[in-house]
Structures are given as structure tokens and as C-alpha cells.
């Protein structure tokens, strides 16, 4: 596809997107949308400190469902001086996640021995986490 063909294709794609109707791509061959909403969102997201392997985690607090069965607020600062695995996963009750979650659960004791904690992170509510943890493994629970 030539650059002009890509330009027309990209222009059509931008015109179909509600937020991009008045705008089109700056660099047609790269298909970068210059919609001000998207640019503002990207700029906003870049203001957050990002977690990096081997580095100190950015500060955060969140509601958590704990292995003991309670719901509490956790603060990453409570884990200072420890190694922490931040285990990000998309959603509870999905097919991929149980294998990883069960795998980490099986080695949790060994990780604690080397001063390492595992914190699972997803977009689900603590109540969804609770139901998933309390469900029988044969029914998709962890």
C-alpha cells in the first residue's frame, strides 16, 4: 500500500471514530491519531509512576481480599524492606488466571521464607475476589 493509499485509509478510519472526526493522523504511514482526547489521556497516563522489575514499587493503597478471609486496605508501604511480586491479571473467573494463581499459592510459603510477598492485582472488586477464592476449584475457583 502506498503512502497516499494509507493516508486515505487512515483518514477514513479517523472519520469513523467519534472523537477523531475533526482530526486525522499526523504521520499517515504510522497511523498515529492526533485526536486531542487521546493525546490528553496519554499525557495523563504518563504522569503516573510505573512499576519496574527490580525497582521500588510506586506508592499505592487498595482494598484487598486476604487469604485469611478478611477484606482490608493494603498499603504498599507496609511491604518496605521486602521483595514483592505484583501479580497483574485481567479478571477473576477467566481461564488463564487460575493456573497462575494456584501456582503462586503453591509456592507462597517458599516465597515468604525468602522475604517475598505476592500481591494479586486486577480490576475486579474485593467481593468478586472473595467469591472466586471461596468457590470450589472444580467450579473455576482458586
N, C-alpha and C. Protein backbone atom coordinates (compact mmCIF):
# COMPACT_ATOMS: atom_id res chain seq x y z
N UNK A 1 0.85 -1.18 0.00
CA UNK A 1 0.00 0.00 0.00
C UNK A 1 0.90 1.24 0.00
N UNK A 2 0.61 2.16 -0.89
CA UNK A 2 1.40 3.39 -0.96
C UNK A 2 1.02 4.32 0.18
N UNK A 3 1.86 5.34 0.37
CA UNK A 3 1.61 6.30 1.44
C UNK A 3 0.27 7.00 1.22
N UNK A 4 -0.05 7.36 -0.04
CA UNK A 4 -1.32 8.03 -0.31
C UNK A 4 -2.51 7.12 -0.02
N UNK A 5 -2.37 5.82 -0.34
CA UNK A 5 -3.44 4.88 -0.03
C UNK A 5 -3.61 4.75 1.48
N UNK A 6 -2.48 4.70 2.19
CA UNK A 6 -2.55 4.62 3.65
C UNK A 6 -3.18 5.88 4.22
N UNK A 7 -2.85 7.02 3.63
CA UNK A 7 -3.40 8.30 4.10
C UNK A 7 -4.92 8.27 3.99
N UNK A 8 -5.45 7.81 2.86
CA UNK A 8 -6.90 7.75 2.66
C UNK A 8 -7.55 6.75 3.61
N UNK A 9 -6.90 5.59 3.77
CA UNK A 9 -7.40 4.54 4.66
C UNK A 9 -7.44 5.07 6.10
N UNK A 10 -6.37 5.72 6.50
CA UNK A 10 -6.25 6.25 7.85
C UNK A 10 -7.27 7.38 8.07
N UNK A 11 -7.43 8.23 7.07
CA UNK A 11 -8.39 9.33 7.17
C UNK A 11 -9.80 8.78 7.37
N UNK A 12 -10.14 7.73 6.62
CA UNK A 12 -11.46 7.10 6.75
C UNK A 12 -11.63 6.53 8.16
N UNK A 13 -10.57 5.86 8.65
CA UNK A 13 -10.61 5.26 9.99
C UNK A 13 -10.84 6.34 11.05
N UNK A 14 -10.14 7.47 10.94
CA UNK A 14 -10.31 8.56 11.90
C UNK A 14 -11.69 9.17 11.80
N UNK A 15 -12.23 9.29 10.60
CA UNK A 15 -13.55 9.88 10.42
C UNK A 15 -14.64 9.01 11.04
N UNK A 16 -14.39 7.69 11.13
CA UNK A 16 -15.37 6.77 11.70
C UNK A 16 -15.37 6.83 13.23
N UNK A 17 -14.28 7.30 13.83
CA UNK A 17 -14.19 7.39 15.28
C UNK A 17 -14.80 8.71 15.73
N UNK A 18 -15.75 8.64 16.63
CA UNK A 18 -16.47 9.83 17.09
C UNK A 18 -15.53 10.93 17.56
N UNK A 19 -14.53 10.56 18.38
CA UNK A 19 -13.66 11.59 18.96
C UNK A 19 -12.65 12.14 17.95
N UNK A 20 -12.52 11.51 16.78
CA UNK A 20 -11.48 11.91 15.83
C UNK A 20 -12.07 12.53 14.56
N UNK A 21 -13.37 12.76 14.52
CA UNK A 21 -14.00 13.21 13.28
C UNK A 21 -13.33 14.45 12.69
N UNK A 22 -12.93 15.39 13.53
CA UNK A 22 -12.35 16.63 13.04
C UNK A 22 -10.85 16.52 12.80
N UNK A 23 -10.26 15.40 13.19
CA UNK A 23 -8.81 15.27 13.15
C UNK A 23 -8.43 14.06 12.33
N UNK A 24 -7.22 14.05 11.88
CA UNK A 24 -6.71 12.85 11.25
C UNK A 24 -5.27 12.67 11.69
N UNK A 25 -4.63 11.69 11.13
CA UNK A 25 -3.30 11.30 11.59
C UNK A 25 -2.23 12.30 11.17
N UNK A 26 -1.26 12.53 12.07
CA UNK A 26 -0.15 13.41 11.75
C UNK A 26 0.78 12.72 10.76
N UNK A 27 1.12 11.49 11.08
CA UNK A 27 2.02 10.73 10.22
C UNK A 27 1.23 9.55 9.67
N UNK A 28 0.73 9.74 8.47
CA UNK A 28 -0.21 8.78 7.89
C UNK A 28 0.35 7.37 7.82
N UNK A 29 1.62 7.23 7.55
CA UNK A 29 2.19 5.88 7.43
C UNK A 29 2.24 5.16 8.78
N UNK A 30 2.27 5.92 9.88
CA UNK A 30 2.33 5.31 11.22
C UNK A 30 0.95 5.18 11.85
N UNK A 31 -0.04 5.78 11.24
CA UNK A 31 -1.42 5.75 11.75
C UNK A 31 -1.50 6.25 13.19
N UNK A 32 -0.85 7.35 13.51
CA UNK A 32 -0.94 7.94 14.84
C UNK A 32 -2.09 8.94 14.85
N UNK A 33 -3.08 8.67 15.64
CA UNK A 33 -4.22 9.59 15.73
C UNK A 33 -3.80 10.82 16.53
N UNK A 34 -4.20 11.98 16.08
CA UNK A 34 -3.86 13.19 16.82
C UNK A 34 -5.10 13.78 17.48
N UNK A 35 -6.05 12.92 17.79
CA UNK A 35 -7.26 13.34 18.49
C UNK A 35 -6.84 13.95 19.83
N UNK A 36 -7.31 15.15 20.17
CA UNK A 36 -6.89 15.79 21.42
C UNK A 36 -7.26 14.99 22.67
N UNK A 37 -8.38 14.28 22.64
CA UNK A 37 -8.76 13.46 23.80
C UNK A 37 -7.75 12.34 24.04
N UNK A 38 -7.38 11.67 22.97
CA UNK A 38 -6.43 10.56 23.09
C UNK A 38 -5.07 11.09 23.53
N UNK A 39 -4.64 12.21 22.94
CA UNK A 39 -3.36 12.80 23.33
C UNK A 39 -3.38 13.20 24.81
N UNK A 40 -4.47 13.80 25.26
CA UNK A 40 -4.58 14.22 26.67
C UNK A 40 -4.56 13.01 27.59
N UNK A 41 -5.25 11.94 27.20
CA UNK A 41 -5.27 10.73 28.03
C UNK A 41 -3.86 10.13 28.12
N UNK A 42 -3.15 10.06 26.99
CA UNK A 42 -1.79 9.52 27.01
C UNK A 42 -0.88 10.37 27.90
N UNK A 43 -1.02 11.69 27.80
CA UNK A 43 -0.22 12.59 28.63
C UNK A 43 -0.54 12.38 30.11
N UNK A 44 -1.83 12.24 30.43
CA UNK A 44 -2.26 11.99 31.81
C UNK A 44 -1.68 10.68 32.33
N UNK A 45 -1.74 9.63 31.54
CA UNK A 45 -1.24 8.32 31.97
C UNK A 45 0.27 8.35 32.19
N UNK A 46 0.98 9.18 31.45
CA UNK A 46 2.43 9.28 31.61
C UNK A 46 2.84 10.02 32.88
N UNK A 47 1.89 10.64 33.57
CA UNK A 47 2.22 11.31 34.83
C UNK A 47 2.35 10.33 35.98
N UNK A 48 1.84 9.11 35.81
CA UNK A 48 1.90 8.11 36.87
C UNK A 48 3.24 7.40 36.86
N UNK A 49 3.74 7.16 38.05
CA UNK A 49 4.96 6.38 38.18
C UNK A 49 4.64 4.94 37.79
N UNK A 50 5.52 4.32 37.05
CA UNK A 50 5.28 2.96 36.58
C UNK A 50 6.08 1.95 37.39
N UNK A 51 5.48 0.79 37.60
CA UNK A 51 6.19 -0.30 38.28
C UNK A 51 7.25 -0.85 37.33
N UNK A 52 8.44 -1.12 37.86
CA UNK A 52 9.53 -1.66 37.05
C UNK A 52 10.16 -2.83 37.79
N UNK A 53 10.53 -3.83 37.05
CA UNK A 53 11.17 -5.01 37.64
C UNK A 53 12.47 -4.60 38.31
N UNK A 54 12.64 -5.06 39.55
CA UNK A 54 13.87 -4.78 40.29
C UNK A 54 13.93 -3.41 40.94
N UNK A 55 12.90 -2.61 40.75
CA UNK A 55 12.86 -1.26 41.33
C UNK A 55 11.81 -1.20 42.43
N UNK A 56 11.88 -0.15 43.24
CA UNK A 56 10.88 0.06 44.27
C UNK A 56 9.53 0.36 43.60
N UNK A 57 8.47 -0.23 44.13
CA UNK A 57 7.14 -0.05 43.54
C UNK A 57 6.61 1.35 43.82
N UNK A 58 5.81 1.89 42.91
CA UNK A 58 5.17 3.18 43.18
C UNK A 58 4.21 3.03 44.36
N UNK A 59 3.99 4.10 45.09
CA UNK A 59 3.10 4.04 46.25
C UNK A 59 1.66 3.86 45.81
N UNK A 60 0.95 2.98 46.53
CA UNK A 60 -0.48 2.81 46.30
C UNK A 60 -1.14 2.17 47.51
N UNK A 61 -2.43 2.39 47.62
CA UNK A 61 -3.28 1.73 48.62
C UNK A 61 -4.45 1.14 47.86
N UNK A 62 -4.97 0.01 48.34
CA UNK A 62 -6.11 -0.62 47.68
C UNK A 62 -6.83 -1.56 48.63
N UNK A 63 -8.09 -1.79 48.36
CA UNK A 63 -8.85 -2.80 49.09
C UNK A 63 -8.38 -4.17 48.62
N UNK A 64 -8.25 -5.10 49.56
CA UNK A 64 -7.76 -6.44 49.22
C UNK A 64 -8.56 -7.51 49.95
N UNK A 65 -8.73 -8.63 49.27
CA UNK A 65 -9.28 -9.81 49.91
C UNK A 65 -8.08 -10.65 50.33
N UNK A 66 -7.96 -10.93 51.60
CA UNK A 66 -6.78 -11.61 52.14
C UNK A 66 -7.00 -13.12 52.25
N UNK A 67 -5.92 -13.90 52.19
CA UNK A 67 -6.02 -15.36 52.30
C UNK A 67 -6.72 -15.83 53.57
N UNK A 68 -6.66 -15.02 54.63
CA UNK A 68 -7.31 -15.39 55.90
C UNK A 68 -8.83 -15.22 55.83
N UNK A 69 -9.33 -14.63 54.74
CA UNK A 69 -10.76 -14.45 54.57
C UNK A 69 -11.28 -13.07 54.89
N UNK A 70 -10.40 -12.16 55.25
CA UNK A 70 -10.84 -10.80 55.59
C UNK A 70 -10.61 -9.84 54.42
N UNK A 71 -11.32 -8.73 54.48
CA UNK A 71 -11.15 -7.66 53.49
C UNK A 71 -10.52 -6.49 54.24
N UNK A 72 -9.41 -5.98 53.70
CA UNK A 72 -8.74 -4.86 54.35
C UNK A 72 -8.06 -3.99 53.32
N UNK A 73 -7.67 -2.79 53.74
CA UNK A 73 -6.91 -1.91 52.86
C UNK A 73 -5.44 -2.26 53.02
N UNK A 74 -4.77 -2.45 51.90
CA UNK A 74 -3.33 -2.66 51.97
C UNK A 74 -2.63 -1.42 51.46
N UNK A 75 -1.46 -1.19 51.98
CA UNK A 75 -0.63 -0.05 51.61
C UNK A 75 0.72 -0.62 51.23
N UNK A 76 1.20 -0.31 50.04
CA UNK A 76 2.48 -0.88 49.58
C UNK A 76 3.61 -0.52 50.55
N UNK A 77 3.46 0.59 51.29
CA UNK A 77 4.49 0.98 52.25
C UNK A 77 4.66 -0.05 53.37
N UNK A 78 3.62 -0.86 53.63
CA UNK A 78 3.71 -1.92 54.64
C UNK A 78 4.72 -3.00 54.24
N UNK A 79 5.10 -3.02 52.98
CA UNK A 79 5.99 -4.05 52.47
C UNK A 79 7.42 -3.56 52.27
N UNK A 80 7.72 -2.37 52.77
CA UNK A 80 9.09 -1.84 52.64
C UNK A 80 10.08 -2.84 53.23
N UNK A 81 11.19 -3.03 52.54
CA UNK A 81 12.22 -3.95 53.00
C UNK A 81 11.97 -5.39 52.59
N UNK A 82 10.87 -5.64 51.88
CA UNK A 82 10.57 -6.98 51.39
C UNK A 82 10.58 -6.98 49.87
N UNK A 83 10.74 -8.16 49.32
CA UNK A 83 10.53 -8.32 47.89
C UNK A 83 9.03 -8.52 47.69
N UNK A 84 8.49 -7.93 46.62
CA UNK A 84 7.07 -8.05 46.35
C UNK A 84 6.87 -8.43 44.89
N UNK A 85 6.05 -9.44 44.67
CA UNK A 85 5.62 -9.79 43.31
C UNK A 85 4.25 -9.17 43.13
N UNK A 86 4.15 -8.19 42.23
CA UNK A 86 2.85 -7.62 41.88
C UNK A 86 2.33 -8.46 40.71
N UNK A 87 1.36 -9.29 40.99
CA UNK A 87 0.83 -10.24 40.01
C UNK A 87 -0.41 -9.65 39.35
N UNK A 88 -0.20 -8.98 38.21
CA UNK A 88 -1.32 -8.36 37.50
C UNK A 88 -2.00 -9.41 36.63
N UNK A 89 -3.33 -9.43 36.69
CA UNK A 89 -4.10 -10.33 35.84
C UNK A 89 -5.39 -9.61 35.45
N UNK A 90 -6.00 -10.00 34.31
CA UNK A 90 -7.12 -9.20 33.79
C UNK A 90 -8.40 -9.27 34.62
N UNK A 91 -8.89 -10.45 34.92
CA UNK A 91 -10.16 -10.60 35.61
C UNK A 91 -10.21 -11.92 36.38
N UNK A 92 -10.97 -11.94 37.46
CA UNK A 92 -11.25 -13.20 38.14
C UNK A 92 -12.14 -14.04 37.23
N UNK A 93 -12.16 -15.33 37.45
CA UNK A 93 -13.02 -16.28 36.74
C UNK A 93 -12.63 -16.48 35.28
N UNK A 94 -11.47 -16.02 34.85
CA UNK A 94 -11.05 -16.28 33.48
C UNK A 94 -10.28 -17.60 33.45
N UNK A 95 -10.10 -18.15 32.25
CA UNK A 95 -9.50 -19.48 32.12
C UNK A 95 -7.99 -19.48 32.33
N UNK A 96 -7.31 -18.41 31.97
CA UNK A 96 -5.85 -18.38 32.10
C UNK A 96 -5.43 -18.17 33.55
N UNK A 97 -6.10 -17.30 34.24
CA UNK A 97 -5.68 -16.88 35.57
C UNK A 97 -5.59 -17.98 36.63
N UNK A 98 -6.53 -18.92 36.72
CA UNK A 98 -6.46 -19.89 37.82
C UNK A 98 -5.15 -20.66 37.87
N UNK A 99 -4.59 -21.02 36.73
CA UNK A 99 -3.35 -21.79 36.75
C UNK A 99 -2.21 -20.99 37.38
N UNK A 100 -2.11 -19.71 37.01
CA UNK A 100 -1.06 -18.87 37.58
C UNK A 100 -1.31 -18.61 39.06
N UNK A 101 -2.55 -18.30 39.41
CA UNK A 101 -2.87 -18.00 40.81
C UNK A 101 -2.62 -19.22 41.69
N UNK A 102 -3.05 -20.38 41.24
CA UNK A 102 -2.83 -21.61 42.01
C UNK A 102 -1.34 -21.90 42.11
N UNK A 103 -0.60 -21.67 41.02
CA UNK A 103 0.85 -21.86 41.04
C UNK A 103 1.53 -20.98 42.08
N UNK A 104 1.16 -19.71 42.12
CA UNK A 104 1.74 -18.82 43.13
C UNK A 104 1.31 -19.22 44.54
N UNK A 105 0.06 -19.66 44.69
CA UNK A 105 -0.40 -20.11 46.02
C UNK A 105 0.42 -21.29 46.52
N UNK A 106 0.77 -22.19 45.60
CA UNK A 106 1.53 -23.38 45.98
C UNK A 106 2.94 -23.06 46.46
N UNK A 107 3.52 -21.96 45.97
CA UNK A 107 4.88 -21.60 46.38
C UNK A 107 4.91 -20.42 47.36
N UNK A 108 3.74 -19.99 47.82
CA UNK A 108 3.67 -18.82 48.72
C UNK A 108 4.53 -19.01 49.96
N UNK A 109 4.51 -20.20 50.54
CA UNK A 109 5.32 -20.47 51.74
C UNK A 109 6.81 -20.33 51.46
N UNK A 110 7.25 -20.85 50.32
CA UNK A 110 8.67 -20.74 49.95
C UNK A 110 9.05 -19.28 49.71
N UNK A 111 8.16 -18.52 49.11
CA UNK A 111 8.44 -17.10 48.87
C UNK A 111 8.54 -16.34 50.18
N UNK A 112 7.66 -16.63 51.14
CA UNK A 112 7.73 -15.96 52.45
C UNK A 112 9.07 -16.23 53.13
N UNK A 113 9.60 -17.45 52.94
CA UNK A 113 10.89 -17.80 53.55
C UNK A 113 12.02 -16.92 53.05
N UNK A 114 11.89 -16.40 51.85
CA UNK A 114 12.94 -15.52 51.31
C UNK A 114 12.50 -14.05 51.33
N UNK A 115 11.55 -13.73 52.25
CA UNK A 115 11.10 -12.35 52.46
C UNK A 115 10.40 -11.77 51.24
N UNK A 116 9.59 -12.59 50.58
CA UNK A 116 8.89 -12.16 49.37
C UNK A 116 7.38 -12.37 49.54
N UNK A 117 6.62 -11.34 49.22
CA UNK A 117 5.16 -11.39 49.29
C UNK A 117 4.58 -11.29 47.88
N UNK A 118 3.42 -11.89 47.68
CA UNK A 118 2.73 -11.82 46.39
C UNK A 118 1.44 -11.03 46.58
N UNK A 119 1.24 -10.03 45.73
CA UNK A 119 0.00 -9.25 45.75
C UNK A 119 -0.63 -9.37 44.37
N UNK A 120 -1.82 -9.97 44.32
CA UNK A 120 -2.56 -10.08 43.06
C UNK A 120 -3.32 -8.79 42.80
N UNK A 121 -3.28 -8.33 41.55
CA UNK A 121 -3.91 -7.05 41.20
C UNK A 121 -4.78 -7.24 39.95
N UNK A 122 -6.06 -6.88 40.06
CA UNK A 122 -6.94 -6.87 38.89
C UNK A 122 -7.97 -5.76 39.08
N UNK A 123 -8.85 -5.62 38.10
CA UNK A 123 -9.86 -4.56 38.18
C UNK A 123 -11.12 -5.01 38.91
N UNK A 124 -11.19 -6.27 39.30
CA UNK A 124 -12.38 -6.77 39.99
C UNK A 124 -12.49 -6.22 41.41
N UNK A 125 -13.69 -6.27 41.96
CA UNK A 125 -13.92 -5.81 43.33
C UNK A 125 -13.42 -6.87 44.31
N UNK A 126 -13.24 -6.47 45.57
CA UNK A 126 -12.82 -7.43 46.59
C UNK A 126 -13.87 -8.51 46.78
N UNK A 127 -15.13 -8.19 46.52
CA UNK A 127 -16.20 -9.18 46.68
C UNK A 127 -16.14 -10.23 45.58
N UNK A 128 -15.76 -9.82 44.39
CA UNK A 128 -15.55 -10.77 43.30
C UNK A 128 -14.35 -11.67 43.64
N UNK A 129 -13.27 -11.07 44.17
CA UNK A 129 -12.10 -11.86 44.60
C UNK A 129 -12.51 -12.88 45.66
N UNK A 130 -13.33 -12.43 46.60
CA UNK A 130 -13.76 -13.31 47.69
C UNK A 130 -14.55 -14.50 47.13
N UNK A 131 -15.49 -14.24 46.24
CA UNK A 131 -16.29 -15.32 45.65
C UNK A 131 -15.41 -16.29 44.88
N UNK A 132 -14.42 -15.75 44.15
CA UNK A 132 -13.52 -16.59 43.36
C UNK A 132 -12.67 -17.47 44.27
N UNK A 133 -12.17 -16.90 45.34
CA UNK A 133 -11.32 -17.66 46.28
C UNK A 133 -12.12 -18.71 47.05
N UNK A 134 -13.37 -18.40 47.35
CA UNK A 134 -14.18 -19.32 48.14
C UNK A 134 -14.87 -20.39 47.30
N UNK A 135 -14.89 -20.21 45.98
CA UNK A 135 -15.53 -21.19 45.09
C UNK A 135 -14.67 -22.45 45.00
N UNK A 136 -15.32 -23.57 44.80
CA UNK A 136 -14.62 -24.84 44.63
C UNK A 136 -13.78 -24.80 43.35
N UNK A 137 -12.59 -25.39 43.40
CA UNK A 137 -11.71 -25.38 42.22
C UNK A 137 -12.37 -26.06 41.02
N UNK A 138 -13.22 -27.05 41.27
CA UNK A 138 -13.90 -27.74 40.17
C UNK A 138 -14.91 -26.83 39.46
N UNK A 139 -15.25 -25.72 40.11
CA UNK A 139 -16.19 -24.75 39.53
C UNK A 139 -15.49 -23.46 39.11
N UNK A 140 -14.17 -23.52 38.96
CA UNK A 140 -13.42 -22.36 38.48
C UNK A 140 -12.81 -21.50 39.56
N UNK A 141 -12.94 -21.91 40.81
CA UNK A 141 -12.36 -21.13 41.90
C UNK A 141 -10.87 -21.35 42.02
N UNK A 142 -10.25 -20.51 42.82
CA UNK A 142 -8.83 -20.67 43.09
C UNK A 142 -8.67 -20.98 44.56
